[in-house]
Amino acid sequence: MNRSLVIKLTAGADDAEKCAQAFTVAATALTAGVTVSMWLTGDAVWFAVPGKAEAFELPHAAPMADLRDAIIAAGTLTVCTQCATRRGIEKEDLIKGTRIAGAAAFVEEALADGAQALVY
């Protein structure tokens, strides 16, 4: 059975430790060979906009932009459709390699055989 990890981040930079934890777990799983799909919802969608992850700082945490780029390179990074729309963010505003999708796609991924979903 192929295992996969679906991670949903529901917080933005105002909850720095939660953000760092979600991105760190996603990147760590990728290095372990796990298939990873990370979903950004709420204010977390800003991390898919150029410059936002680069501006994120948390002492003793890996640079968020590096973790984000690793997820894009080896996994999937998705921005919630409704969350992006509420913030006036369009596909053209996102870094290359990021997709926009809705709840139906999240549910499909989270319920796939061998999937484990984590919500931060």
N, C-alpha and C. Protein backbone atom coordinates (compact mmCIF):
# COMPACT_ATOMS: atom_id res chain seq x y z
N MET A 1 0.84 -1.18 0.00
CA MET A 1 0.00 0.00 0.00
C MET A 1 0.89 1.25 0.00
N ASN A 2 0.58 2.20 -0.86
CA ASN A 2 1.30 3.46 -0.93
C ASN A 2 0.71 4.42 0.09
N ARG A 3 1.53 4.88 1.04
CA ARG A 3 1.06 5.80 2.07
C ARG A 3 1.18 7.24 1.58
N SER A 4 0.23 8.06 1.98
CA SER A 4 0.30 9.48 1.64
C SER A 4 -0.12 10.30 2.86
N LEU A 5 0.37 11.52 2.89
CA LEU A 5 0.06 12.43 3.98
C LEU A 5 -0.59 13.67 3.39
N VAL A 6 -1.76 14.00 3.88
CA VAL A 6 -2.48 15.20 3.46
C VAL A 6 -2.51 16.14 4.67
N ILE A 7 -1.86 17.28 4.51
CA ILE A 7 -1.74 18.23 5.62
C ILE A 7 -2.50 19.50 5.28
N LYS A 8 -3.36 19.92 6.19
CA LYS A 8 -4.10 21.18 6.00
C LYS A 8 -3.64 22.16 7.07
N LEU A 9 -3.16 23.32 6.62
CA LEU A 9 -2.77 24.40 7.52
C LEU A 9 -3.86 25.45 7.50
N THR A 10 -4.44 25.71 8.67
CA THR A 10 -5.58 26.63 8.77
C THR A 10 -5.21 27.98 9.36
N ALA A 11 -3.94 28.16 9.74
CA ALA A 11 -3.52 29.39 10.41
C ALA A 11 -2.53 30.16 9.56
N GLY A 12 -2.47 31.45 9.81
CA GLY A 12 -1.51 32.31 9.12
C GLY A 12 -0.34 32.66 10.02
N ALA A 13 0.42 33.65 9.61
CA ALA A 13 1.64 34.04 10.31
C ALA A 13 1.40 34.47 11.75
N ASP A 14 0.17 34.82 12.10
CA ASP A 14 -0.13 35.21 13.48
C ASP A 14 -0.04 34.03 14.44
N ASP A 15 -0.01 32.82 13.91
CA ASP A 15 0.18 31.60 14.72
C ASP A 15 1.43 30.90 14.18
N ALA A 16 2.56 31.55 14.40
CA ALA A 16 3.83 31.15 13.77
C ALA A 16 4.24 29.72 14.06
N GLU A 17 4.10 29.27 15.29
CA GLU A 17 4.54 27.91 15.61
C GLU A 17 3.70 26.87 14.89
N LYS A 18 2.42 27.08 14.79
CA LYS A 18 1.56 26.14 14.07
C LYS A 18 1.96 26.08 12.60
N CYS A 19 2.25 27.22 12.02
CA CYS A 19 2.67 27.26 10.61
C CYS A 19 3.99 26.51 10.41
N ALA A 20 4.94 26.80 11.27
CA ALA A 20 6.25 26.15 11.16
C ALA A 20 6.12 24.64 11.34
N GLN A 21 5.29 24.21 12.28
CA GLN A 21 5.10 22.77 12.50
C GLN A 21 4.53 22.09 11.27
N ALA A 22 3.51 22.68 10.67
CA ALA A 22 2.88 22.06 9.50
C ALA A 22 3.85 21.94 8.34
N PHE A 23 4.57 23.02 8.05
CA PHE A 23 5.53 22.98 6.94
C PHE A 23 6.69 22.03 7.24
N THR A 24 7.14 21.98 8.49
CA THR A 24 8.24 21.09 8.86
C THR A 24 7.83 19.64 8.74
N VAL A 25 6.65 19.30 9.22
CA VAL A 25 6.16 17.91 9.11
C VAL A 25 6.02 17.51 7.64
N ALA A 26 5.49 18.40 6.83
CA ALA A 26 5.33 18.10 5.40
C ALA A 26 6.68 17.84 4.74
N ALA A 27 7.64 18.72 4.98
CA ALA A 27 8.95 18.56 4.35
C ALA A 27 9.68 17.33 4.88
N THR A 28 9.53 17.05 6.17
CA THR A 28 10.16 15.86 6.75
C THR A 28 9.58 14.59 6.15
N ALA A 29 8.28 14.55 5.98
CA ALA A 29 7.63 13.38 5.37
C ALA A 29 8.14 13.18 3.95
N LEU A 30 8.31 14.24 3.22
CA LEU A 30 8.83 14.14 1.85
C LEU A 30 10.22 13.51 1.84
N THR A 31 11.07 13.93 2.77
CA THR A 31 12.43 13.38 2.81
C THR A 31 12.41 11.90 3.20
N ALA A 32 11.34 11.46 3.85
CA ALA A 32 11.20 10.05 4.21
C ALA A 32 10.56 9.24 3.09
N GLY A 33 10.26 9.89 1.97
CA GLY A 33 9.70 9.19 0.82
C GLY A 33 8.18 9.09 0.81
N VAL A 34 7.53 9.83 1.68
CA VAL A 34 6.06 9.81 1.74
C VAL A 34 5.51 10.78 0.70
N THR A 35 4.42 10.42 0.07
CA THR A 35 3.71 11.32 -0.84
C THR A 35 2.99 12.36 0.01
N VAL A 36 3.24 13.64 -0.26
CA VAL A 36 2.68 14.71 0.56
C VAL A 36 1.86 15.68 -0.28
N SER A 37 0.69 16.00 0.23
CA SER A 37 -0.15 17.05 -0.33
C SER A 37 -0.44 18.02 0.80
N MET A 38 -0.01 19.27 0.62
CA MET A 38 -0.25 20.29 1.65
C MET A 38 -1.28 21.28 1.15
N TRP A 39 -2.25 21.54 2.01
CA TRP A 39 -3.34 22.47 1.71
C TRP A 39 -3.22 23.70 2.59
N LEU A 40 -3.29 24.87 1.97
CA LEU A 40 -3.27 26.14 2.69
C LEU A 40 -4.67 26.72 2.69
N THR A 41 -5.20 26.97 3.89
CA THR A 41 -6.54 27.53 4.03
C THR A 41 -6.48 28.74 4.96
N GLY A 42 -7.55 29.51 4.98
CA GLY A 42 -7.56 30.71 5.82
C GLY A 42 -6.38 31.60 5.45
N ASP A 43 -5.80 32.24 6.46
CA ASP A 43 -4.68 33.15 6.18
C ASP A 43 -3.40 32.43 5.77
N ALA A 44 -3.37 31.11 5.86
CA ALA A 44 -2.20 30.36 5.38
C ALA A 44 -2.02 30.50 3.87
N VAL A 45 -3.08 30.85 3.15
CA VAL A 45 -2.96 30.99 1.69
C VAL A 45 -1.91 32.03 1.31
N TRP A 46 -1.64 32.98 2.17
CA TRP A 46 -0.65 34.01 1.87
C TRP A 46 0.75 33.42 1.66
N PHE A 47 1.04 32.25 2.25
CA PHE A 47 2.36 31.65 2.09
C PHE A 47 2.64 31.18 0.66
N ALA A 48 1.61 31.14 -0.17
CA ALA A 48 1.78 30.77 -1.57
C ALA A 48 1.95 31.99 -2.47
N VAL A 49 1.93 33.17 -1.88
CA VAL A 49 2.13 34.41 -2.62
C VAL A 49 3.62 34.78 -2.51
N PRO A 50 4.27 35.11 -3.63
CA PRO A 50 5.69 35.44 -3.58
C PRO A 50 6.01 36.48 -2.50
N GLY A 51 7.07 36.20 -1.74
CA GLY A 51 7.55 37.11 -0.72
C GLY A 51 6.99 36.88 0.67
N LYS A 52 5.84 36.23 0.77
CA LYS A 52 5.20 36.06 2.09
C LYS A 52 5.92 35.02 2.94
N ALA A 53 6.24 33.86 2.38
CA ALA A 53 6.98 32.85 3.13
C ALA A 53 8.40 33.33 3.41
N GLU A 54 8.95 34.09 2.48
CA GLU A 54 10.30 34.63 2.66
C GLU A 54 10.36 35.60 3.84
N ALA A 55 9.26 36.29 4.11
CA ALA A 55 9.21 37.27 5.21
C ALA A 55 8.92 36.62 6.56
N PHE A 56 8.51 35.36 6.56
CA PHE A 56 8.15 34.66 7.79
C PHE A 56 9.41 34.34 8.60
N GLU A 57 9.37 34.65 9.89
CA GLU A 57 10.50 34.36 10.76
C GLU A 57 10.02 33.74 12.06
N LEU A 58 10.71 32.70 12.48
CA LEU A 58 10.46 32.08 13.78
C LEU A 58 11.79 31.53 14.26
N PRO A 59 12.25 31.97 15.43
CA PRO A 59 13.53 31.48 15.93
C PRO A 59 13.58 29.95 16.00
N HIS A 60 14.69 29.41 15.59
CA HIS A 60 14.98 27.98 15.65
C HIS A 60 14.12 27.16 14.69
N ALA A 61 13.52 27.79 13.71
CA ALA A 61 12.72 27.09 12.70
C ALA A 61 13.42 27.21 11.34
N ALA A 62 13.25 26.20 10.53
CA ALA A 62 13.79 26.24 9.17
C ALA A 62 13.10 27.36 8.40
N PRO A 63 13.78 27.96 7.44
CA PRO A 63 13.15 29.01 6.64
C PRO A 63 11.90 28.49 5.92
N MET A 64 10.79 29.15 6.14
CA MET A 64 9.52 28.71 5.56
C MET A 64 9.59 28.62 4.04
N ALA A 65 10.24 29.56 3.39
CA ALA A 65 10.31 29.54 1.93
C ALA A 65 11.03 28.28 1.45
N ASP A 66 12.06 27.84 2.15
CA ASP A 66 12.77 26.62 1.77
C ASP A 66 11.87 25.40 1.91
N LEU A 67 11.11 25.35 3.01
CA LEU A 67 10.18 24.23 3.22
C LEU A 67 9.09 24.23 2.15
N ARG A 68 8.54 25.41 1.89
CA ARG A 68 7.50 25.55 0.86
C ARG A 68 8.01 25.09 -0.50
N ASP A 69 9.21 25.51 -0.84
CA ASP A 69 9.78 25.15 -2.14
C ASP A 69 10.04 23.65 -2.24
N ALA A 70 10.43 23.03 -1.13
CA ALA A 70 10.63 21.57 -1.12
C ALA A 70 9.31 20.84 -1.34
N ILE A 71 8.25 21.38 -0.75
CA ILE A 71 6.93 20.76 -0.93
C ILE A 71 6.49 20.89 -2.39
N ILE A 72 6.70 22.03 -2.98
CA ILE A 72 6.33 22.21 -4.39
C ILE A 72 7.16 21.29 -5.29
N ALA A 73 8.44 21.14 -4.97
CA ALA A 73 9.32 20.33 -5.81
C ALA A 73 9.00 18.84 -5.76
N ALA A 74 8.60 18.35 -4.59
CA ALA A 74 8.45 16.90 -4.44
C ALA A 74 7.04 16.45 -4.07
N GLY A 75 6.16 17.40 -3.79
CA GLY A 75 4.79 17.07 -3.40
C GLY A 75 3.80 17.96 -4.12
N THR A 76 2.72 18.27 -3.43
CA THR A 76 1.69 19.14 -3.98
C THR A 76 1.35 20.22 -2.97
N LEU A 77 1.28 21.48 -3.43
CA LEU A 77 0.87 22.59 -2.59
C LEU A 77 -0.41 23.18 -3.19
N THR A 78 -1.47 23.17 -2.38
CA THR A 78 -2.78 23.62 -2.85
C THR A 78 -3.29 24.76 -1.99
N VAL A 79 -3.87 25.75 -2.64
CA VAL A 79 -4.52 26.87 -1.97
C VAL A 79 -6.03 26.68 -2.11
N CYS A 80 -6.72 26.85 -1.00
CA CYS A 80 -8.18 26.73 -0.97
C CYS A 80 -8.83 27.78 -1.88
N THR A 81 -9.73 27.34 -2.72
CA THR A 81 -10.42 28.22 -3.66
C THR A 81 -11.13 29.37 -2.95
N GLN A 82 -11.99 29.05 -2.01
CA GLN A 82 -12.77 30.08 -1.32
C GLN A 82 -11.87 31.02 -0.52
N CYS A 83 -10.86 30.46 0.13
CA CYS A 83 -9.96 31.28 0.95
C CYS A 83 -9.20 32.28 0.09
N ALA A 84 -8.74 31.83 -1.07
CA ALA A 84 -8.04 32.72 -1.99
C ALA A 84 -8.99 33.81 -2.49
N THR A 85 -10.18 33.42 -2.88
CA THR A 85 -11.16 34.37 -3.40
C THR A 85 -11.49 35.44 -2.36
N ARG A 86 -11.67 35.03 -1.11
CA ARG A 86 -12.00 36.00 -0.05
C ARG A 86 -10.89 37.03 0.14
N ARG A 87 -9.68 36.66 -0.20
CA ARG A 87 -8.53 37.56 -0.03
C ARG A 87 -8.11 38.24 -1.32
N GLY A 88 -8.88 38.03 -2.38
CA GLY A 88 -8.57 38.66 -3.66
C GLY A 88 -7.35 38.06 -4.34
N ILE A 89 -7.02 36.84 -3.99
CA ILE A 89 -5.85 36.16 -4.58
C ILE A 89 -6.31 35.32 -5.76
N GLU A 90 -5.62 35.49 -6.87
CA GLU A 90 -5.92 34.71 -8.07
C GLU A 90 -4.73 33.83 -8.42
N LYS A 91 -4.93 32.88 -9.31
CA LYS A 91 -3.89 31.94 -9.70
C LYS A 91 -2.59 32.65 -10.10
N GLU A 92 -2.72 33.76 -10.83
CA GLU A 92 -1.55 34.51 -11.29
C GLU A 92 -0.74 35.11 -10.14
N ASP A 93 -1.37 35.23 -8.97
CA ASP A 93 -0.71 35.82 -7.81
C ASP A 93 0.15 34.82 -7.04
N LEU A 94 0.00 33.54 -7.35
CA LEU A 94 0.67 32.49 -6.60
C LEU A 94 2.01 32.11 -7.20
N ILE A 95 2.89 31.55 -6.38
CA ILE A 95 4.17 31.09 -6.89
C ILE A 95 3.95 29.91 -7.83
N LYS A 96 4.83 29.76 -8.77
CA LYS A 96 4.73 28.69 -9.75
C LYS A 96 4.74 27.33 -9.05
N GLY A 97 3.88 26.46 -9.51
CA GLY A 97 3.81 25.12 -8.96
C GLY A 97 2.70 24.93 -7.93
N THR A 98 2.02 26.02 -7.58
CA THR A 98 0.91 25.97 -6.63
C THR A 98 -0.40 25.85 -7.40
N ARG A 99 -1.31 25.08 -6.86
CA ARG A 99 -2.63 24.96 -7.51
C ARG A 99 -3.70 25.51 -6.58
N ILE A 100 -4.86 25.80 -7.15
CA ILE A 100 -6.03 26.21 -6.39
C ILE A 100 -7.08 25.12 -6.57
N ALA A 101 -7.66 24.68 -5.46
CA ALA A 101 -8.70 23.64 -5.51
C ALA A 101 -9.62 23.80 -4.30
N GLY A 102 -10.75 23.13 -4.37
CA GLY A 102 -11.76 23.26 -3.32
C GLY A 102 -11.90 22.04 -2.44
N ALA A 103 -12.93 22.09 -1.62
CA ALA A 103 -13.17 21.08 -0.60
C ALA A 103 -13.33 19.67 -1.17
N ALA A 104 -13.96 19.56 -2.33
CA ALA A 104 -14.17 18.22 -2.90
C ALA A 104 -12.83 17.53 -3.19
N ALA A 105 -11.86 18.29 -3.68
CA ALA A 105 -10.54 17.72 -3.95
C ALA A 105 -9.83 17.34 -2.65
N PHE A 106 -9.98 18.17 -1.61
CA PHE A 106 -9.38 17.83 -0.32
C PHE A 106 -9.97 16.54 0.23
N VAL A 107 -11.28 16.43 0.21
CA VAL A 107 -11.96 15.23 0.72
C VAL A 107 -11.51 14.00 -0.06
N GLU A 108 -11.41 14.11 -1.36
CA GLU A 108 -10.97 12.98 -2.18
C GLU A 108 -9.57 12.53 -1.77
N GLU A 109 -8.66 13.47 -1.59
CA GLU A 109 -7.29 13.12 -1.18
C GLU A 109 -7.26 12.52 0.23
N ALA A 110 -7.99 13.14 1.14
CA ALA A 110 -7.97 12.70 2.54
C ALA A 110 -8.57 11.31 2.72
N LEU A 111 -9.51 10.93 1.85
CA LEU A 111 -10.17 9.64 1.98
C LEU A 111 -9.58 8.55 1.09
N ALA A 112 -8.53 8.87 0.36
CA ALA A 112 -7.90 7.87 -0.52
C ALA A 112 -7.28 6.75 0.31
N ASP A 113 -7.23 5.57 -0.27
CA ASP A 113 -6.61 4.43 0.42
C ASP A 113 -5.17 4.77 0.80
N GLY A 114 -4.82 4.51 2.04
CA GLY A 114 -3.46 4.74 2.52
C GLY A 114 -3.17 6.17 2.92
N ALA A 115 -4.17 7.05 2.87
CA ALA A 115 -3.95 8.46 3.21
C ALA A 115 -4.14 8.70 4.70
N GLN A 116 -3.33 9.60 5.21
CA GLN A 116 -3.45 10.08 6.59
C GLN A 116 -3.58 11.60 6.52
N ALA A 117 -4.63 12.14 7.08
CA ALA A 117 -4.82 13.59 7.06
C ALA A 117 -4.47 14.18 8.42
N LEU A 118 -3.76 15.30 8.39
CA LEU A 118 -3.41 16.06 9.59
C LEU A 118 -3.88 17.49 9.38
N VAL A 119 -4.46 18.08 10.41
CA VAL A 119 -4.91 19.46 10.31
C VAL A 119 -4.22 20.26 11.40
N TYR A 120 -3.58 21.35 10.96
CA TYR A 120 -2.92 22.26 11.89
C TYR A 120 -3.67 23.58 11.90
